[in-house]
């Protein structure tokens, strides 16, 4: 590697190894310790994620982070709305249907969660109770809301998705746990009202984060990944 490169001190194998390790270690944390993350560490995550590539370098993500009393007020508000069975209020159209292998993967993930928690298959009341834990942020001391500008449409949302991924990897590198939550975006109107966001802001998702409770059984399972052969087509001629 060119000695003048800013990454010259790292061998190529070391760099890809670090990325592979972070990707392999990261999982959606569903039980957090109550310990708060210091501001310097949070800002380190944010500074790193800010290097995310975006369409025309628009960098459309805006991030709202609630902690302490602010997080608790938000938790109570969104939990109350979700618990009351409020109608979905997405800014972006959610999947119309899961079919084929996509349905298989969704079911596998769900049953792994329920089996780990000892929830019997078909116990819809227990399923619903567990789903509501999204709105308790799974006990995380911090929650981030990722939102974008309405005129950018789906391109802004895609860029935000890339930002979310890099946010989670940066957090993992700094010893934190995360869970991306589309469930929070089901209450986009409430989020705008609660945080006084302008009408042209569109909520993409939330990220609950903090220190993972590694002793909790809900954090003991890992979801599978499809092989490259299942997801990639090579064309040589």
Protein backbone atom coordinates (compact mmCIF):
# COMPACT_ATOMS: atom_id res chain seq x y z
CA UNK A 1 0.00 0.00 0.00
CA UNK A 2 1.21 3.50 -0.78
CA UNK A 3 3.02 4.85 2.28
CA UNK A 4 1.35 8.20 1.69
CA UNK A 5 -2.12 6.73 2.05
CA UNK A 6 -3.91 7.72 5.29
CA UNK A 7 -4.57 3.99 5.80
CA UNK A 8 -1.02 2.87 5.07
CA UNK A 9 -0.49 1.62 8.62
CA UNK A 10 -3.13 -1.05 8.12
CA UNK A 11 -2.58 -4.11 5.94
CA UNK A 12 -5.48 -4.85 3.59
CA UNK A 13 -6.13 -8.11 5.42
CA UNK A 14 -6.32 -6.30 8.75
CA UNK A 15 -8.82 -3.76 7.45
CA UNK A 16 -11.23 -6.29 5.95
CA UNK A 17 -10.79 -8.40 9.07
CA UNK A 18 -11.94 -5.55 11.29
CA UNK A 19 -15.01 -4.96 9.12
CA UNK A 20 -15.87 -8.67 9.05
CA UNK A 21 -15.52 -8.86 12.82
CA UNK A 22 -17.85 -5.92 13.37
CA UNK A 23 -20.44 -7.26 10.94
CA UNK A 24 -20.31 -10.73 12.49
CA UNK A 25 -20.55 -9.42 16.04
CA UNK A 26 -23.38 -6.93 15.50
CA UNK A 27 -26.92 -8.05 16.26
CA UNK A 28 -30.21 -6.41 17.20
CA UNK A 29 -30.05 -5.93 20.96
CA UNK A 30 -33.36 -6.40 22.77
CA UNK A 31 -32.22 -5.94 26.35
CA UNK A 32 -29.98 -3.09 27.51
CA UNK A 33 -28.26 -2.16 30.73
CA UNK A 34 -29.53 1.08 32.34
CA UNK A 35 -26.04 2.63 32.13
CA UNK A 36 -26.00 5.76 29.95
CA UNK A 37 -23.42 6.34 27.24
CA UNK A 38 -21.26 9.42 27.72
CA UNK A 39 -21.72 12.28 25.25
CA UNK A 40 -18.17 12.00 23.86
CA UNK A 41 -18.77 8.39 22.82
CA UNK A 42 -22.12 9.22 21.22
CA UNK A 43 -20.52 12.07 19.30
CA UNK A 44 -17.75 9.72 18.15
CA UNK A 45 -20.42 7.41 16.69
CA UNK A 46 -22.11 10.35 14.98
CA UNK A 47 -18.89 11.77 13.57
CA UNK A 48 -17.96 8.38 12.11
CA UNK A 49 -21.41 7.74 10.62
CA UNK A 50 -21.38 11.20 9.05
CA UNK A 51 -18.91 9.84 6.47
CA UNK A 52 -21.76 7.82 4.93
CA UNK A 53 -22.06 8.15 1.15
CA UNK A 54 -25.26 9.76 -0.16
CA UNK A 55 -26.94 10.63 -3.45
CA UNK A 56 -25.32 13.84 -4.81
CA UNK A 57 -23.69 14.20 -1.39
CA UNK A 58 -27.04 15.46 -0.09
CA UNK A 59 -26.45 13.93 3.38
CA UNK A 60 -30.20 14.02 4.00
CA UNK A 61 -30.23 12.45 7.46
CA UNK A 62 -31.10 14.45 10.51
CA UNK A 63 -30.71 12.71 13.83
CA UNK A 64 -32.64 13.46 17.00
CA UNK A 65 -31.30 11.73 20.12
CA UNK A 66 -33.39 11.53 23.28
CA UNK A 67 -31.79 10.59 26.60
CA UNK A 68 -32.67 10.88 30.26
CA UNK A 69 -35.94 12.67 31.04
CA UNK A 70 -36.47 13.54 27.36
CA UNK A 71 -36.28 9.88 26.39
CA UNK A 72 -38.67 8.93 29.18
CA UNK A 73 -41.28 11.50 28.09
CA UNK A 74 -41.04 10.22 24.52
CA UNK A 75 -41.23 6.60 25.66
CA UNK A 76 -44.42 7.22 27.61
CA UNK A 77 -46.03 9.07 24.70
CA UNK A 78 -45.25 6.57 21.98
CA UNK A 79 -45.94 3.54 24.19
CA UNK A 80 -49.36 4.94 25.08
CA UNK A 81 -50.24 5.48 21.42
CA UNK A 82 -48.99 2.07 20.35
CA UNK A 83 -50.66 0.35 23.29
CA UNK A 84 -53.98 1.99 22.43
CA UNK A 85 -53.86 0.37 18.99
CA UNK A 86 -53.46 3.60 17.04
CA UNK A 87 -53.66 3.33 13.26
CA UNK A 88 -50.30 3.05 11.51
CA UNK A 89 -48.94 6.44 10.48
CA UNK A 90 -45.98 5.65 8.22
CA UNK A 91 -44.30 8.35 6.15
CA UNK A 92 -42.97 5.70 3.75
CA UNK A 93 -45.08 2.84 2.42
CA UNK A 94 -44.21 -0.35 4.34
CA UNK A 95 -43.89 -3.75 2.63
CA UNK A 96 -47.20 -4.79 1.09
CA UNK A 97 -46.51 -8.46 1.66
CA UNK A 98 -43.75 -10.92 2.54
CA UNK A 99 -43.72 -13.90 0.17
CA UNK A 100 -41.46 -16.85 -0.62
CA UNK A 101 -37.99 -16.79 0.88
CA UNK A 102 -38.62 -13.32 2.37
CA UNK A 103 -41.52 -14.69 4.39
CA UNK A 104 -39.41 -17.70 5.39
CA UNK A 105 -36.65 -15.46 6.70
CA UNK A 106 -39.09 -13.25 8.58
CA UNK A 107 -40.71 -16.26 10.23
CA UNK A 108 -37.36 -17.79 11.14
CA UNK A 109 -36.28 -14.57 12.84
CA UNK A 110 -39.57 -14.21 14.69
CA UNK A 111 -39.63 -17.80 15.92
CA UNK A 112 -36.03 -17.52 17.10
CA UNK A 113 -37.07 -14.56 19.24
CA UNK A 114 -40.20 -16.24 20.60
CA UNK A 115 -38.47 -19.57 21.28
CA UNK A 116 -35.66 -17.82 23.14
CA UNK A 117 -38.21 -16.08 25.35
CA UNK A 118 -40.28 -19.22 25.86
CA UNK A 119 -43.30 -17.84 24.00
CA UNK A 120 -45.45 -20.64 22.60
CA UNK A 121 -46.06 -20.70 18.87
CA UNK A 122 -49.43 -19.14 18.07
CA UNK A 123 -49.67 -17.17 21.35
CA UNK A 124 -50.78 -13.94 19.71
CA UNK A 125 -51.25 -12.12 23.01
CA UNK A 126 -47.63 -12.81 23.95
CA UNK A 127 -46.51 -11.81 20.44
CA UNK A 128 -48.29 -8.47 20.82
CA UNK A 129 -46.85 -7.87 24.30
CA UNK A 130 -43.33 -8.50 23.01
CA UNK A 131 -43.92 -6.20 20.02
CA UNK A 132 -44.83 -3.39 22.41
CA UNK A 133 -41.33 -3.62 23.89
CA UNK A 134 -40.23 -1.69 20.80
CA UNK A 135 -41.89 1.32 22.41
CA UNK A 136 -40.02 0.79 25.66
CA UNK A 137 -36.88 0.88 23.49
CA UNK A 138 -36.03 -2.49 25.03
CA UNK A 139 -34.73 -0.66 28.08
CA UNK A 140 -32.13 1.34 26.13
CA UNK A 141 -31.03 4.62 27.76
CA UNK A 142 -30.93 6.40 24.39
CA UNK A 143 -33.07 6.47 21.27
CA UNK A 144 -32.23 8.13 17.96
CA UNK A 145 -34.84 9.18 15.43
CA UNK A 146 -33.61 9.32 11.84
CA UNK A 147 -35.56 11.66 9.56
CA UNK A 148 -35.12 13.12 6.09
CA UNK A 149 -36.49 15.88 3.87
CA UNK A 150 -39.79 15.13 2.09
CA UNK A 151 -38.79 16.42 -1.41
CA UNK A 152 -35.93 13.91 -1.55
CA UNK A 153 -38.42 11.04 -1.49
CA UNK A 154 -37.19 7.47 -1.50
CA UNK A 155 -33.61 8.53 -2.33
CA UNK A 156 -33.40 10.37 0.96
CA UNK A 157 -34.72 7.30 2.78
CA UNK A 158 -32.19 5.02 1.07
CA UNK A 159 -29.35 7.32 2.09
CA UNK A 160 -30.66 7.28 5.64
CA UNK A 161 -30.61 3.49 5.55
CA UNK A 162 -26.91 3.57 4.71
CA UNK A 163 -26.38 6.03 7.57
CA UNK A 164 -28.19 3.71 10.00
CA UNK A 165 -25.92 0.83 9.02
CA UNK A 166 -22.78 2.88 9.58
CA UNK A 167 -24.14 4.27 12.85
CA UNK A 168 -24.59 0.71 14.11
CA UNK A 169 -21.14 -0.42 13.00
CA UNK A 170 -19.50 2.60 14.62
CA UNK A 171 -21.44 1.91 17.81
CA UNK A 172 -20.37 -1.74 17.72
CA UNK A 173 -16.73 -0.70 17.33
CA UNK A 174 -17.06 1.45 20.45
CA UNK A 175 -18.59 -1.34 22.55
CA UNK A 176 -22.24 -0.33 22.23
CA UNK A 177 -25.32 -2.29 21.26
CA UNK A 178 -28.04 -1.10 18.89
CA UNK A 179 -31.35 -2.10 17.36
CA UNK A 180 -32.81 -0.38 14.28
CA UNK A 181 -36.57 0.05 14.70
CA UNK A 182 -38.97 0.51 11.82
CA UNK A 183 -41.71 0.10 14.43
CA UNK A 184 -41.14 3.63 15.68
CA UNK A 185 -41.82 5.02 12.19
CA UNK A 186 -45.35 3.62 12.45
CA UNK A 187 -46.01 6.67 14.63
CA UNK A 188 -44.41 9.37 12.49
CA UNK A 189 -47.13 11.92 13.18
CA UNK A 190 -46.70 11.58 16.93
CA UNK A 191 -42.92 11.90 16.53
CA UNK A 192 -43.28 15.14 14.56
CA UNK A 193 -45.70 16.55 17.12
CA UNK A 194 -43.73 15.43 20.14
CA UNK A 195 -40.42 16.85 18.93
CA UNK A 196 -41.88 19.84 17.06
CA UNK A 197 -40.40 18.73 13.74
CA UNK A 198 -41.39 20.67 10.61
CA UNK A 199 -44.11 19.21 8.40
CA UNK A 200 -41.60 18.48 5.64
CA UNK A 201 -39.61 16.02 7.76
CA UNK A 202 -40.17 12.32 7.08
CA UNK A 203 -39.36 9.73 9.73
CA UNK A 204 -37.35 6.77 8.43
CA UNK A 205 -36.77 4.75 11.60
CA UNK A 206 -35.42 4.81 15.12
CA UNK A 207 -32.30 3.31 16.68
CA UNK A 208 -32.32 2.37 20.36
CA UNK A 209 -28.80 2.08 21.72
CA UNK A 210 -26.68 1.71 24.82
CA UNK A 211 -24.78 -1.09 26.49
CA UNK A 212 -26.14 -4.56 25.75
CA UNK A 213 -27.21 -6.78 28.62
CA UNK A 214 -25.24 -9.82 27.50
CA UNK A 215 -26.63 -11.93 30.35
CA UNK A 216 -30.23 -11.57 29.16
CA UNK A 217 -31.44 -14.60 27.21
CA UNK A 218 -33.11 -12.48 24.52
CA UNK A 219 -29.62 -11.46 23.37
CA UNK A 220 -28.41 -15.05 23.03
CA UNK A 221 -29.61 -15.96 19.52
CA UNK A 222 -28.37 -14.83 16.12
CA UNK A 223 -30.22 -14.63 12.83
CA UNK A 224 -28.94 -16.46 9.74
CA UNK A 225 -27.66 -14.92 6.52
CA UNK A 226 -28.20 -16.05 2.95
CA UNK A 227 -25.16 -17.17 0.98
CA UNK A 228 -23.60 -15.12 -1.79
CA UNK A 229 -24.85 -17.73 -4.25
CA UNK A 230 -28.42 -17.04 -3.13
CA UNK A 231 -28.19 -13.28 -3.57
CA UNK A 232 -25.72 -12.53 -6.37
CA UNK A 233 -25.73 -13.23 -10.11
CA UNK A 234 -22.41 -12.94 -11.98
CA UNK A 235 -22.49 -12.10 -15.69
CA UNK A 236 -19.21 -12.61 -17.55
CA UNK A 237 -20.27 -12.54 -21.19
